[in-house]
Amino acid sequence: MKKILLGLALFFGTIQIQAQENNLQLKGTVVDTVAQYVYLQKFHNKMFTTIDSVKVKDGSFSFKTKVKTPELYGLSVNTADSPLYVFLEKGPITVKLSPKKYYTNSVVEGSAAQDLFETYKKSKDVEISKFITANPKSIVSAYVLYRNWSYRLTPEQITQNIALLDKSLQNITYVKELKDLAIVLDGLAVGKKAPDFTANDTEGKPVHFSENLKGYTLVDFWASWCGPCRRENPNIVAAYKEFHDKGFNIIAVSLDKKKENWIKGIQDDKLTWTHVSDLLFWNSAVAKLYGVRAIPANYLVDSKGTIIAKNLHGEELQSTLKSLLDKKVSNN
């Protein structure tokens, strides 16, 4: 009998985790704004797409949209801005929605996943493996591994952490993409060939990566909207000025969405090298090809297209180039 009861408990636990389509029981109030609409947005690949909207009446709103739960969604009063990240579940959920300070004053009640997510965000020195082990059935564990940790981990570490997740989470989108990412990153190890690609430059002309390899080439992933990228750009400019004549080149791949912002960023930061972009934000084909989940990111390759270093920033970029190019000169 104990075995039967245990089996039933595991069965129902799994059913509760699997995403199912349900009519939302989501209502709330809007504060600190005179906005007339609240927008419900679906999260995918670090981007939000609006799937429904409701009019605010007397400061209140209510959604009954049929969506998959549990899942991460966004709530906002302006689709041009980042929304409130909210994990929606089956059952009544209430939200006090305040757009001030990037929605940090908003309050969500009725979602256990949201409570865990808020706890995670407030925690310091989180060890992802321990977090997953403590919460193996929560979609939050899968999400933070996908969103906050995938770019920090090796392919082996990604696979090890996926194995800690409950079986009921193994086929959700986050985990499927993590499994694919581990395969991609395994093929991008130092010593392996950098993937070839073709992308358009600022004038719409195709640039073929393999046809532009000479000396040492940095494949640099950035975007004009990326603060850390813009702060890193002076270091790259300095390295380019010092080593370009000695055989150092750059192909910059932008994850911008708007061409005018991309061009302005190039001009403002005085980035005088080759630039390409498909202007698809996180849907960038080249970024996916190189397993890029956070920017700035880069790969340093030699004239044969072999990866010799990854994610060189600040002084490390210049010291690596100096060592490589000095060795090249001495060998000549």
C-alpha atoms as a PDB file:
ATOM      1  CA  MET A   1       0.000   0.000   0.000  1.00  0.00           C
ATOM      2  CA  LYS A   2       2.849   2.401   0.830  1.00  0.00           C
ATOM      3  CA  LYS A   3       4.347   1.810  -2.637  1.00  0.00           C
ATOM      4  CA  ILE A   4       0.972   2.543  -4.268  1.00  0.00           C
ATOM      5  CA  LEU A   5       0.558   5.765  -2.283  1.00  0.00           C
ATOM      6  CA  LEU A   6       4.088   6.852  -3.136  1.00  0.00           C
ATOM      7  CA  GLY A   7       3.455   6.167  -6.802  1.00  0.00           C
ATOM      8  CA  LEU A   8       0.262   8.229  -6.731  1.00  0.00           C
ATOM      9  CA  ALA A   9       2.041  11.096  -5.007  1.00  0.00           C
ATOM     10  CA  LEU A  10       4.750  11.113  -7.639  1.00  0.00           C
ATOM     11  CA  PHE A  11       2.154  10.891 -10.409  1.00  0.00           C
ATOM     12  CA  PHE A  12       0.103  13.833  -9.189  1.00  0.00           C
ATOM     13  CA  GLY A  13       3.252  15.831  -8.458  1.00  0.00           C
ATOM     14  CA  THR A  14       4.288  15.390 -12.067  1.00  0.00           C
ATOM     15  CA  ILE A  15       0.886  16.396 -13.391  1.00  0.00           C
ATOM     16  CA  GLN A  16       1.016  19.623 -11.397  1.00  0.00           C
ATOM     17  CA  ILE A  17       4.368  20.571 -12.886  1.00  0.00           C
ATOM     18  CA  GLN A  18       3.556  19.984 -16.539  1.00  0.00           C
ATOM     19  CA  ALA A  19       2.386  23.111 -18.331  1.00  0.00           C
ATOM     20  CA  GLN A  20      -1.306  22.997 -19.185  1.00  0.00           C
ATOM     21  CA  GLU A  21      -3.630  25.481 -20.830  1.00  0.00           C
ATOM     22  CA  ASN A  22      -5.883  27.168 -18.291  1.00  0.00           C
ATOM     23  CA  ASN A  23      -8.015  30.270 -18.159  1.00  0.00           C
ATOM     24  CA  LEU A  24      -6.175  32.799 -16.029  1.00  0.00           C
ATOM     25  CA  GLN A  25      -7.641  34.003 -12.787  1.00  0.00           C
ATOM     26  CA  LEU A  26      -5.495  37.108 -12.819  1.00  0.00           C
ATOM     27  CA  LYS A  27      -6.628  40.441 -11.482  1.00  0.00           C
ATOM     28  CA  GLY A  28      -5.039  43.461  -9.921  1.00  0.00           C
ATOM     29  CA  THR A  29      -4.715  47.169  -9.459  1.00  0.00           C
ATOM     30  CA  VAL A  30      -2.557  49.705 -11.254  1.00  0.00           C
ATOM     31  CA  VAL A  31      -0.783  52.343  -9.174  1.00  0.00           C
ATOM     32  CA  ASP A  32       1.667  55.192  -9.785  1.00  0.00           C
ATOM     33  CA  THR A  33       0.427  55.686 -13.349  1.00  0.00           C
ATOM     34  CA  VAL A  34      -2.528  56.901 -15.410  1.00  0.00           C
ATOM     35  CA  ALA A  35      -2.088  54.130 -17.982  1.00  0.00           C
ATOM     36  CA  GLN A  36      -5.294  52.971 -19.624  1.00  0.00           C
ATOM     37  CA  TYR A  37      -4.228  49.436 -20.543  1.00  0.00           C
ATOM     38  CA  VAL A  38      -2.361  46.515 -19.026  1.00  0.00           C
ATOM     39  CA  TYR A  39      -0.560  44.172 -21.424  1.00  0.00           C
ATOM     40  CA  LEU A  40       0.021  40.455 -20.919  1.00  0.00           C
ATOM     41  CA  GLN A  41       3.225  39.264 -22.581  1.00  0.00           C
ATOM     42  CA  LYS A  42       4.708  35.842 -23.292  1.00  0.00           C
ATOM     43  CA  PHE A  43       8.396  35.263 -22.585  1.00  0.00           C
ATOM     44  CA  HIS A  44      10.672  33.534 -25.089  1.00  0.00           C
ATOM     45  CA  ASN A  45      14.428  33.839 -25.652  1.00  0.00           C
ATOM     46  CA  LYS A  46      14.840  36.879 -23.398  1.00  0.00           C
ATOM     47  CA  MET A  47      12.052  38.684 -25.265  1.00  0.00           C
ATOM     48  CA  PHE A  48       8.421  39.423 -24.513  1.00  0.00           C
ATOM     49  CA  THR A  49       5.588  39.353 -27.044  1.00  0.00           C
ATOM     50  CA  THR A  50       2.170  40.826 -26.261  1.00  0.00           C
ATOM     51  CA  ILE A  51      -0.585  38.206 -26.350  1.00  0.00           C
ATOM     52  CA  ASP A  52      -3.473  40.130 -24.761  1.00  0.00           C
ATOM     53  CA  SER A  53      -4.455  43.471 -23.249  1.00  0.00           C
ATOM     54  CA  VAL A  54      -7.245  44.745 -21.020  1.00  0.00           C
ATOM     55  CA  LYS A  55      -8.529  48.216 -20.257  1.00  0.00           C
ATOM     56  CA  VAL A  56      -7.956  49.604 -16.783  1.00  0.00           C
ATOM     57  CA  LYS A  57     -11.258  50.467 -15.076  1.00  0.00           C
ATOM     58  CA  ASP A  58     -11.221  52.473 -11.867  1.00  0.00           C
ATOM     59  CA  GLY A  59      -7.617  51.488 -11.323  1.00  0.00           C
ATOM     60  CA  SER A  60      -8.287  47.751 -11.706  1.00  0.00           C
ATOM     61  CA  PHE A  61      -7.752  45.115 -14.372  1.00  0.00           C
ATOM     62  CA  SER A  62      -8.558  41.443 -14.912  1.00  0.00           C
ATOM     63  CA  PHE A  63      -7.339  38.762 -17.346  1.00  0.00           C
ATOM     64  CA  LYS A  64      -9.115  35.498 -18.175  1.00  0.00           C
ATOM     65  CA  THR A  65      -6.863  34.662 -21.119  1.00  0.00           C
ATOM     66  CA  LYS A  66      -6.276  30.968 -21.850  1.00  0.00           C
ATOM     67  CA  VAL A  67      -2.539  30.372 -21.471  1.00  0.00           C
ATOM     68  CA  LYS A  68      -0.119  27.647 -20.495  1.00  0.00           C
ATOM     69  CA  THR A  69       0.734  27.521 -16.802  1.00  0.00           C
ATOM     70  CA  PRO A  70       2.964  27.361 -14.876  1.00  0.00           C
ATOM     71  CA  GLU A  71       5.020  29.688 -17.045  1.00  0.00           C
ATOM     72  CA  LEU A  72       6.817  33.034 -17.011  1.00  0.00           C
ATOM     73  CA  TYR A  73       4.891  36.001 -18.397  1.00  0.00           C
ATOM     74  CA  GLY A  74       5.230  39.758 -18.373  1.00  0.00           C
ATOM     75  CA  LEU A  75       2.785  42.424 -17.240  1.00  0.00           C
ATOM     76  CA  SER A  76       3.266  46.009 -18.327  1.00  0.00           C
ATOM     77  CA  VAL A  77       1.498  49.303 -18.958  1.00  0.00           C
ATOM     78  CA  ASN A  78       3.839  50.157 -21.840  1.00  0.00           C
ATOM     79  CA  THR A  79       5.057  47.532 -24.308  1.00  0.00           C
ATOM     80  CA  ALA A  80       8.111  49.627 -25.160  1.00  0.00           C
ATOM     81  CA  ASP A  81       9.540  49.018 -21.673  1.00  0.00           C
ATOM     82  CA  SER A  82      10.605  45.863 -19.873  1.00  0.00           C
ATOM     83  CA  PRO A  83       7.627  44.357 -18.019  1.00  0.00           C
ATOM     84  CA  LEU A  84       7.116  42.931 -14.564  1.00  0.00           C
ATOM     85  CA  TYR A  85       8.342  39.328 -14.667  1.00  0.00           C
ATOM     86  CA  VAL A  86       5.619  37.153 -13.173  1.00  0.00           C
ATOM     87  CA  PHE A  87       5.256  33.377 -12.942  1.00  0.00           C
ATOM     88  CA  LEU A  88       1.599  32.579 -13.523  1.00  0.00           C
ATOM     89  CA  GLU A  89       0.003  29.408 -12.207  1.00  0.00           C
ATOM     90  CA  LYS A  90      -3.420  27.815 -12.137  1.00  0.00           C
ATOM     91  CA  GLY A  91      -5.571  29.491  -9.520  1.00  0.00           C
ATOM     92  CA  PRO A  92      -6.311  33.061  -8.442  1.00  0.00           C
ATOM     93  CA  ILE A  93      -3.422  35.519  -8.615  1.00  0.00           C
ATOM     94  CA  THR A  94      -3.531  39.199  -7.691  1.00  0.00           C
ATOM     95  CA  VAL A  95      -1.048  41.877  -8.681  1.00  0.00           C
ATOM     96  CA  LYS A  96      -0.388  45.410  -7.583  1.00  0.00           C
ATOM     97  CA  LEU A  97       1.250  46.755 -10.714  1.00  0.00           C
ATOM     98  CA  SER A  98       3.523  49.776 -10.348  1.00  0.00           C
ATOM     99  CA  PRO A  99       5.741  50.789 -13.273  1.00  0.00           C
ATOM    100  CA  LYS A 100       8.015  52.892 -11.049  1.00  0.00           C
ATOM    101  CA  LYS A 101      11.630  51.769 -10.756  1.00  0.00           C
ATOM    102  CA  TYR A 102      11.201  49.070 -13.407  1.00  0.00           C
ATOM    103  CA  TYR A 103       8.213  47.529 -11.572  1.00  0.00           C
ATOM    104  CA  THR A 104      10.265  46.807  -8.450  1.00  0.00           C
ATOM    105  CA  ASN A 105       7.463  48.140  -6.226  1.00  0.00           C
ATOM    106  CA  SER A 106       4.923  45.717  -7.716  1.00  0.00           C
ATOM    107  CA  VAL A 107       3.485  42.919  -5.569  1.00  0.00           C
ATOM    108  CA  VAL A 108       2.306  39.484  -6.754  1.00  0.00           C
ATOM    109  CA  GLU A 109       0.207  37.196  -4.543  1.00  0.00           C
ATOM    110  CA  GLY A 110      -1.073  33.678  -5.161  1.00  0.00           C
ATOM    111  CA  SER A 111       1.870  32.222  -7.112  1.00  0.00           C
ATOM    112  CA  ALA A 112       4.234  29.876  -5.278  1.00  0.00           C
ATOM    113  CA  ALA A 113       6.634  30.021  -8.229  1.00  0.00           C
ATOM    114  CA  GLN A 114       6.703  33.816  -8.037  1.00  0.00           C
ATOM    115  CA  ASP A 115       7.446  33.641  -4.318  1.00  0.00           C
ATOM    116  CA  LEU A 116      10.390  31.332  -5.002  1.00  0.00           C
ATOM    117  CA  PHE A 117      11.579  33.600  -7.824  1.00  0.00           C
ATOM    118  CA  GLU A 118      11.521  36.646  -5.533  1.00  0.00           C
ATOM    119  CA  THR A 119      13.446  34.710  -2.895  1.00  0.00           C
ATOM    120  CA  TYR A 120      16.032  33.710  -5.492  1.00  0.00           C
ATOM    121  CA  LYS A 121      16.500  37.316  -6.640  1.00  0.00           C
ATOM    122  CA  LYS A 122      17.139  38.466  -3.065  1.00  0.00           C
ATOM    123  CA  SER A 123      19.596  35.663  -2.318  1.00  0.00           C
ATOM    124  CA  LYS A 124      23.344  36.207  -2.434  1.00  0.00           C
ATOM    125  CA  ASP A 125      26.048  33.751  -3.454  1.00  0.00           C
ATOM    126  CA  VAL A 126      23.534  31.302  -4.902  1.00  0.00           C
ATOM    127  CA  GLU A 127      24.948  27.944  -5.955  1.00  0.00           C
ATOM    128  CA  ILE A 128      22.739  26.857  -8.822  1.00  0.00           C
ATOM    129  CA  SER A 129      23.193  23.136  -8.160  1.00  0.00           C
ATOM    130  CA  LYS A 130      22.093  23.550  -4.548  1.00  0.00           C
ATOM    131  CA  PHE A 131      19.156  25.731  -5.592  1.00  0.00           C
ATOM    132  CA  ILE A 132      17.955  23.117  -8.095  1.00  0.00           C
ATOM    133  CA  THR A 133      18.469  20.281  -5.610  1.00  0.00           C
ATOM    134  CA  ALA A 134      16.293  22.148  -3.102  1.00  0.00           C
ATOM    135  CA  ASN A 135      13.629  22.929  -5.732  1.00  0.00           C
ATOM    136  CA  PRO A 136      13.859  20.185  -8.389  1.00  0.00           C
ATOM    137  CA  LYS A 137      10.204  20.369  -9.463  1.00  0.00           C
ATOM    138  CA  SER A 138       9.875  24.135  -9.720  1.00  0.00           C
ATOM    139  CA  ILE A 139       9.825  25.803 -13.122  1.00  0.00           C
ATOM    140  CA  VAL A 140      11.835  28.584 -11.458  1.00  0.00           C
ATOM    141  CA  SER A 141      14.826  26.240 -11.171  1.00  0.00           C
ATOM    142  CA  ALA A 142      14.682  25.514 -14.891  1.00  0.00           C
ATOM    143  CA  TYR A 143      14.214  29.187 -15.724  1.00  0.00           C
ATOM    144  CA  VAL A 144      17.130  30.557 -13.671  1.00  0.00           C
ATOM    145  CA  LEU A 145      19.426  27.820 -15.002  1.00  0.00           C
ATOM    146  CA  TYR A 146      18.401  28.847 -18.520  1.00  0.00           C
ATOM    147  CA  ARG A 147      18.341  32.604 -18.031  1.00  0.00           C
ATOM    148  CA  ASN A 148      20.916  33.411 -15.366  1.00  0.00           C
ATOM    149  CA  TRP A 149      23.417  30.567 -15.431  1.00  0.00           C
ATOM    150  CA  SER A 150      23.721  29.061 -18.917  1.00  0.00           C
ATOM    151  CA  TYR A 151      26.323  31.615 -20.030  1.00  0.00           C
ATOM    152  CA  ARG A 152      28.465  31.010 -16.940  1.00  0.00           C
ATOM    153  CA  LEU A 153      28.659  27.225 -17.180  1.00  0.00           C
ATOM    154  CA  THR A 154      30.565  24.729 -19.274  1.00  0.00           C
ATOM    155  CA  PRO A 155      28.606  22.270 -21.422  1.00  0.00           C
ATOM    156  CA  GLU A 156      29.325  19.583 -18.844  1.00  0.00           C
ATOM    157  CA  GLN A 157      28.026  21.741 -15.990  1.00  0.00           C
ATOM    158  CA  ILE A 158      24.862  22.589 -17.927  1.00  0.00           C
ATOM    159  CA  THR A 159      24.197  18.886 -18.490  1.00  0.00           C
ATOM    160  CA  GLN A 160      24.907  18.051 -14.837  1.00  0.00           C
ATOM    161  CA  ASN A 161      22.456  20.684 -13.616  1.00  0.00           C
ATOM    162  CA  ILE A 162      19.769  19.585 -16.079  1.00  0.00           C
ATOM    163  CA  ALA A 163      20.054  16.100 -14.560  1.00  0.00           C
ATOM    164  CA  LEU A 164      19.156  17.561 -11.149  1.00  0.00           C
ATOM    165  CA  LEU A 165      15.793  18.785 -12.438  1.00  0.00           C
ATOM    166  CA  ASP A 166      12.744  16.598 -11.939  1.00  0.00           C
ATOM    167  CA  LYS A 167      11.676  14.391 -14.862  1.00  0.00           C
ATOM    168  CA  SER A 168       8.529  16.472 -15.244  1.00  0.00           C
ATOM    169  CA  LEU A 169      10.655  19.443 -16.355  1.00  0.00           C
ATOM    170  CA  GLN A 170      12.845  17.635 -18.859  1.00  0.00           C
ATOM    171  CA  ASN A 171      10.682  18.471 -21.883  1.00  0.00           C
ATOM    172  CA  ILE A 172       9.817  22.103 -21.202  1.00  0.00           C
ATOM    173  CA  THR A 173      11.190  24.770 -23.558  1.00  0.00           C
ATOM    174  CA  TYR A 174      13.888  26.070 -21.190  1.00  0.00           C
ATOM    175  CA  VAL A 175      15.404  22.633 -20.697  1.00  0.00           C
ATOM    176  CA  LYS A 176      15.185  21.665 -24.371  1.00  0.00           C
ATOM    177  CA  GLU A 177      17.064  24.830 -25.297  1.00  0.00           C
ATOM    178  CA  LEU A 178      19.652  24.183 -22.590  1.00  0.00           C
ATOM    179  CA  LYS A 179      20.272  20.711 -23.975  1.00  0.00           C
ATOM    180  CA  ASP A 180      20.763  22.170 -27.444  1.00  0.00           C
ATOM    181  CA  LEU A 181      23.032  24.873 -26.019  1.00  0.00           C
ATOM    182  CA  ALA A 182      25.267  22.304 -24.319  1.00  0.00           C
ATOM    183  CA  ILE A 183      25.778  20.585 -27.678  1.00  0.00           C
ATOM    184  CA  VAL A 184      26.573  23.902 -29.404  1.00  0.00           C
ATOM    185  CA  LEU A 185      29.030  24.995 -26.715  1.00  0.00           C
ATOM    186  CA  ASP A 186      30.781  21.640 -26.790  1.00  0.00           C
ATOM    187  CA  GLY A 187      31.578  22.319 -30.429  1.00  0.00           C
ATOM    188  CA  LEU A 188      32.981  25.748 -29.583  1.00  0.00           C
ATOM    189  CA  ALA A 189      35.761  24.703 -27.262  1.00  0.00           C
ATOM    190  CA  VAL A 190      39.253  26.159 -27.627  1.00  0.00           C
ATOM    191  CA  GLY A 191      41.023  24.245 -30.366  1.00  0.00           C
ATOM    192  CA  LYS A 192      37.899  23.661 -32.449  1.00  0.00           C
ATOM    193  CA  LYS A 193      36.843  25.415 -35.633  1.00  0.00           C
ATOM    194  CA  ALA A 194      34.758  28.556 -35.329  1.00  0.00           C
ATOM    195  CA  PRO A 195      31.463  28.179 -37.234  1.00  0.00           C
ATOM    196  CA  ASP A 196      31.366  29.930 -40.585  1.00  0.00           C
ATOM    197  CA  PHE A 197      28.616  32.469 -41.233  1.00  0.00           C
ATOM    198  CA  THR A 198      27.484  35.197 -43.588  1.00  0.00           C
ATOM    199  CA  ALA A 199      25.777  38.360 -42.361  1.00  0.00           C
ATOM    200  CA  ASN A 200      25.108  41.832 -43.723  1.00  0.00           C
ATOM    201  CA  ASP A 201      27.210  44.847 -42.860  1.00  0.00           C
ATOM    202  CA  THR A 202      25.916  48.365 -42.160  1.00  0.00           C
ATOM    203  CA  GLU A 203      25.348  48.932 -45.884  1.00  0.00           C
ATOM    204  CA  GLY A 204      23.466  45.683 -46.363  1.00  0.00           C
ATOM    205  CA  LYS A 205      26.367  43.931 -48.072  1.00  0.00           C
ATOM    206  CA  PRO A 206      27.099  40.309 -47.103  1.00  0.00           C
ATOM    207  CA  VAL A 207      30.264  39.610 -45.137  1.00  0.00           C
ATOM    208  CA  HIS A 208      31.581  36.036 -45.273  1.00  0.00           C
ATOM    209  CA  PHE A 209      33.367  35.201 -42.045  1.00  0.00           C
ATOM    210  CA  SER A 210      35.732  32.580 -43.497  1.00  0.00           C
ATOM    211  CA  GLU A 211      36.790  34.938 -46.276  1.00  0.00           C
ATOM    212  CA  ASN A 212      37.837  37.641 -43.817  1.00  0.00           C
ATOM    213  CA  LEU A 213      40.194  35.671 -41.632  1.00  0.00           C
ATOM    214  CA  LYS A 214      43.742  36.927 -41.450  1.00  0.00           C
ATOM    215  CA  GLY A 215      46.125  37.128 -38.533  1.00  0.00           C
ATOM    216  CA  TYR A 216      43.959  36.947 -35.416  1.00  0.00           C
ATOM    217  CA  THR A 217      40.275  37.845 -35.567  1.00  0.00           C
ATOM    218  CA  LEU A 218      37.999  38.704 -32.662  1.00  0.00           C
ATOM    219  CA  VAL A 219      34.348  37.756 -33.214  1.00  0.00           C
ATOM    220  CA  ASP A 220      32.787  40.294 -30.865  1.00  0.00           C
ATOM    221  CA  PHE A 221      29.130  40.099 -29.815  1.00  0.00           C
ATOM    222  CA  TRP A 222      27.642  43.374 -28.555  1.00  0.00           C
ATOM    223  CA  ALA A 223      24.700  45.792 -28.958  1.00  0.00           C
ATOM    224  CA  SER A 224      24.184  49.522 -28.651  1.00  0.00           C
ATOM    225  CA  TRP A 225      21.603  48.948 -25.890  1.00  0.00           C
ATOM    226  CA  CYS A 226      24.046  46.854 -23.823  1.00  0.00           C
ATOM    227  CA  GLY A 227      25.626  48.942 -21.048  1.00  0.00           C
ATOM    228  CA  PRO A 228      28.451  46.486 -20.236  1.00  0.00           C
ATOM    229  CA  CYS A 229      29.260  46.281 -23.965  1.00  0.00           C
ATOM    230  CA  ARG A 230      29.549  50.032 -24.281  1.00  0.00           C
ATOM    231  CA  ARG A 231      31.794  50.171 -21.215  1.00  0.00           C
ATOM    232  CA  GLU A 232      33.998  47.452 -22.711  1.00  0.00           C
ATOM    233  CA  ASN A 233      34.289  49.129 -26.113  1.00  0.00           C
ATOM    234  CA  PRO A 234      37.128  51.524 -25.118  1.00  0.00           C
ATOM    235  CA  ASN A 235      39.255  48.494 -24.208  1.00  0.00           C
ATOM    236  CA  ILE A 236      38.591  46.935 -27.604  1.00  0.00           C
ATOM    237  CA  VAL A 237      39.336  50.230 -29.357  1.00  0.00           C
ATOM    238  CA  ALA A 238      42.663  50.455 -27.517  1.00  0.00           C
ATOM    239  CA  ALA A 239      43.557  46.871 -28.470  1.00  0.00           C
ATOM    240  CA  TYR A 240      42.633  47.494 -32.100  1.00  0.00           C
ATOM    241  CA  LYS A 241      44.759  50.652 -32.275  1.00  0.00           C
ATOM    242  CA  GLU A 242      47.758  48.892 -30.776  1.00  0.00           C
ATOM    243  CA  PHE A 243      47.602  45.585 -32.619  1.00  0.00           C
ATOM    244  CA  HIS A 244      45.719  46.060 -35.887  1.00  0.00           C
ATOM    245  CA  ASP A 245      48.872  46.809 -37.873  1.00  0.00           C
ATOM    246  CA  LYS A 246      50.427  43.670 -36.407  1.00  0.00           C
ATOM    247  CA  GLY A 247      47.636  41.385 -37.588  1.00  0.00           C
ATOM    248  CA  PHE A 248      44.649  41.871 -35.276  1.00  0.00           C
ATOM    249  CA  ASN A 249      41.173  42.251 -36.807  1.00  0.00           C
ATOM    250  CA  ILE A 250      37.605  42.374 -35.532  1.00  0.00           C
ATOM    251  CA  ILE A 251      34.241  41.270 -36.858  1.00  0.00           C
ATOM    252  CA  ALA A 252      31.591  42.698 -34.568  1.00  0.00           C
ATOM    253  CA  VAL A 253      28.176  41.027 -34.456  1.00  0.00           C
ATOM    254  CA  SER A 254      25.441  43.270 -33.092  1.00  0.00           C
ATOM    255  CA  LEU A 255      22.261  42.087 -31.361  1.00  0.00           C
ATOM    256  CA  ASP A 256      20.580  45.404 -32.030  1.00  0.00           C
ATOM    257  CA  LYS A 257      16.955  45.737 -33.111  1.00  0.00           C
ATOM    258  CA  LYS A 258      17.061  49.136 -34.821  1.00  0.00           C
ATOM    259  CA  LYS A 259      19.596  50.012 -37.493  1.00  0.00           C
ATOM    260  CA  GLU A 260      19.788  53.674 -36.508  1.00  0.00           C
ATOM    261  CA  ASN A 261      20.744  52.746 -32.934  1.00  0.00           C
ATOM    262  CA  TRP A 262      23.330  50.264 -34.198  1.00  0.00           C
ATOM    263  CA  ILE A 263      24.944  52.826 -36.518  1.00  0.00           C
ATOM    264  CA  LYS A 264      24.934  55.505 -33.832  1.00  0.00           C
ATOM    265  CA  GLY A 265      26.588  53.157 -31.342  1.00  0.00           C
ATOM    266  CA  ILE A 266      29.336  52.370 -33.847  1.00  0.00           C
ATOM    267  CA  GLN A 267      29.931  56.045 -34.554  1.00  0.00           C
ATOM    268  CA  ASP A 268      29.747  57.221 -30.940  1.00  0.00           C
ATOM    269  CA  ASP A 269      32.211  54.575 -29.716  1.00  0.00           C
ATOM    270  CA  LYS A 270      34.496  54.975 -32.757  1.00  0.00           C
ATOM    271  CA  LEU A 271      34.429  51.305 -33.678  1.00  0.00           C
ATOM    272  CA  THR A 272      36.377  51.368 -36.931  1.00  0.00           C
ATOM    273  CA  TRP A 273      36.221  47.699 -37.916  1.00  0.00           C
ATOM    274  CA  THR A 274      33.853  45.332 -39.702  1.00  0.00           C
ATOM    275  CA  HIS A 275      30.284  45.237 -38.371  1.00  0.00           C
ATOM    276  CA  VAL A 276      27.424  42.858 -39.168  1.00  0.00           C
ATOM    277  CA  SER A 277      23.922  42.301 -37.852  1.00  0.00           C
ATOM    278  CA  ASP A 278      20.578  40.789 -38.829  1.00  0.00           C
ATOM    279  CA  LEU A 279      18.889  43.199 -36.366  1.00  0.00           C
ATOM    280  CA  LEU A 280      16.975  40.361 -34.732  1.00  0.00           C
ATOM    281  CA  PHE A 281      17.905  41.024 -31.089  1.00  0.00           C
ATOM    282  CA  TRP A 282      18.265  37.692 -29.222  1.00  0.00           C
ATOM    283  CA  ASN A 283      17.025  35.859 -32.308  1.00  0.00           C
ATOM    284  CA  SER A 284      20.332  36.674 -33.995  1.00  0.00           C
ATOM    285  CA  ALA A 285      21.306  33.687 -36.132  1.00  0.00           C
ATOM    286  CA  VAL A 286      25.023  34.225 -35.537  1.00  0.00           C
ATOM    287  CA  ALA A 287      24.558  34.543 -31.775  1.00  0.00           C
ATOM    288  CA  LYS A 288      22.689  31.236 -31.736  1.00  0.00           C
ATOM    289  CA  LEU A 289      25.397  29.634 -33.876  1.00  0.00           C
ATOM    290  CA  TYR A 290      28.001  30.689 -31.294  1.00  0.00           C
ATOM    291  CA  GLY A 291      25.912  29.811 -28.230  1.00  0.00           C
ATOM    292  CA  VAL A 292      25.819  33.425 -27.037  1.00  0.00           C
ATOM    293  CA  ARG A 293      23.441  33.844 -24.095  1.00  0.00           C
ATOM    294  CA  ALA A 294      24.877  37.081 -22.671  1.00  0.00           C
ATOM    295  CA  ILE A 295      26.837  40.027 -24.038  1.00  0.00           C
ATOM    296  CA  PRO A 296      29.537  41.235 -24.273  1.00  0.00           C
ATOM    297  CA  ALA A 297      30.970  37.931 -25.487  1.00  0.00           C
ATOM    298  CA  ASN A 298      33.749  37.117 -27.913  1.00  0.00           C
ATOM    299  CA  TYR A 299      35.830  34.431 -29.570  1.00  0.00           C
ATOM    300  CA  LEU A 300      39.424  34.915 -30.730  1.00  0.00           C
ATOM    301  CA  VAL A 301      40.314  32.812 -33.777  1.00  0.00           C
ATOM    302  CA  ASP A 302      43.458  32.382 -35.848  1.00  0.00           C
ATOM    303  CA  SER A 303      43.837  32.677 -39.612  1.00  0.00           C
ATOM    304  CA  LYS A 304      42.656  29.086 -40.078  1.00  0.00           C
ATOM    305  CA  GLY A 305      39.479  29.723 -38.109  1.00  0.00           C
ATOM    306  CA  THR A 306      40.559  27.782 -35.024  1.00  0.00           C
ATOM    307  CA  ILE A 307      39.270  29.098 -31.689  1.00  0.00           C
ATOM    308  CA  ILE A 308      42.214  30.013 -29.472  1.00  0.00           C
ATOM    309  CA  ALA A 309      40.477  31.948 -26.676  1.00  0.00           C
ATOM    310  CA  LYS A 310      37.025  32.977 -25.462  1.00  0.00           C
ATOM    311  CA  ASN A 311      35.565  35.971 -23.631  1.00  0.00           C
ATOM    312  CA  LEU A 312      38.684  38.101 -23.386  1.00  0.00           C
ATOM    313  CA  HIS A 313      37.857  41.410 -21.738  1.00  0.00           C
ATOM    314  CA  GLY A 314      39.781  44.408 -20.432  1.00  0.00           C
ATOM    315  CA  GLU A 315      43.515  43.937 -19.992  1.00  0.00           C
ATOM    316  CA  GLU A 316      43.218  40.211 -20.704  1.00  0.00           C
ATOM    317  CA  LEU A 317      42.468  40.926 -24.362  1.00  0.00           C
ATOM    318  CA  GLN A 318      45.544  43.101 -24.796  1.00  0.00           C
ATOM    319  CA  SER A 319      47.862  40.797 -22.857  1.00  0.00           C
ATOM    320  CA  THR A 320      46.707  37.783 -24.892  1.00  0.00           C
ATOM    321  CA  LEU A 321      47.215  39.614 -28.181  1.00  0.00           C
ATOM    322  CA  LYS A 322      50.640  40.851 -27.104  1.00  0.00           C
ATOM    323  CA  SER A 323      51.724  37.322 -26.225  1.00  0.00           C
ATOM    324  CA  LEU A 324      50.423  35.868 -29.498  1.00  0.00           C
ATOM    325  CA  LEU A 325      51.786  38.576 -31.753  1.00  0.00           C
ATOM    326  CA  ASP A 326      55.150  38.806 -29.989  1.00  0.00           C
ATOM    327  CA  LYS A 327      55.511  35.046 -30.420  1.00  0.00           C
ATOM    328  CA  LYS A 328      54.623  35.409 -34.088  1.00  0.00           C
ATOM    329  CA  VAL A 329      57.283  38.093 -34.568  1.00  0.00           C
ATOM    330  CA  SER A 330      59.956  36.066 -32.756  1.00  0.00           C
ATOM    331  CA  ASN A 331      59.158  33.005 -34.886  1.00  0.00           C
ATOM    332  CA  ASN A 332      59.639  35.071 -38.015  1.00  0.00           C
END
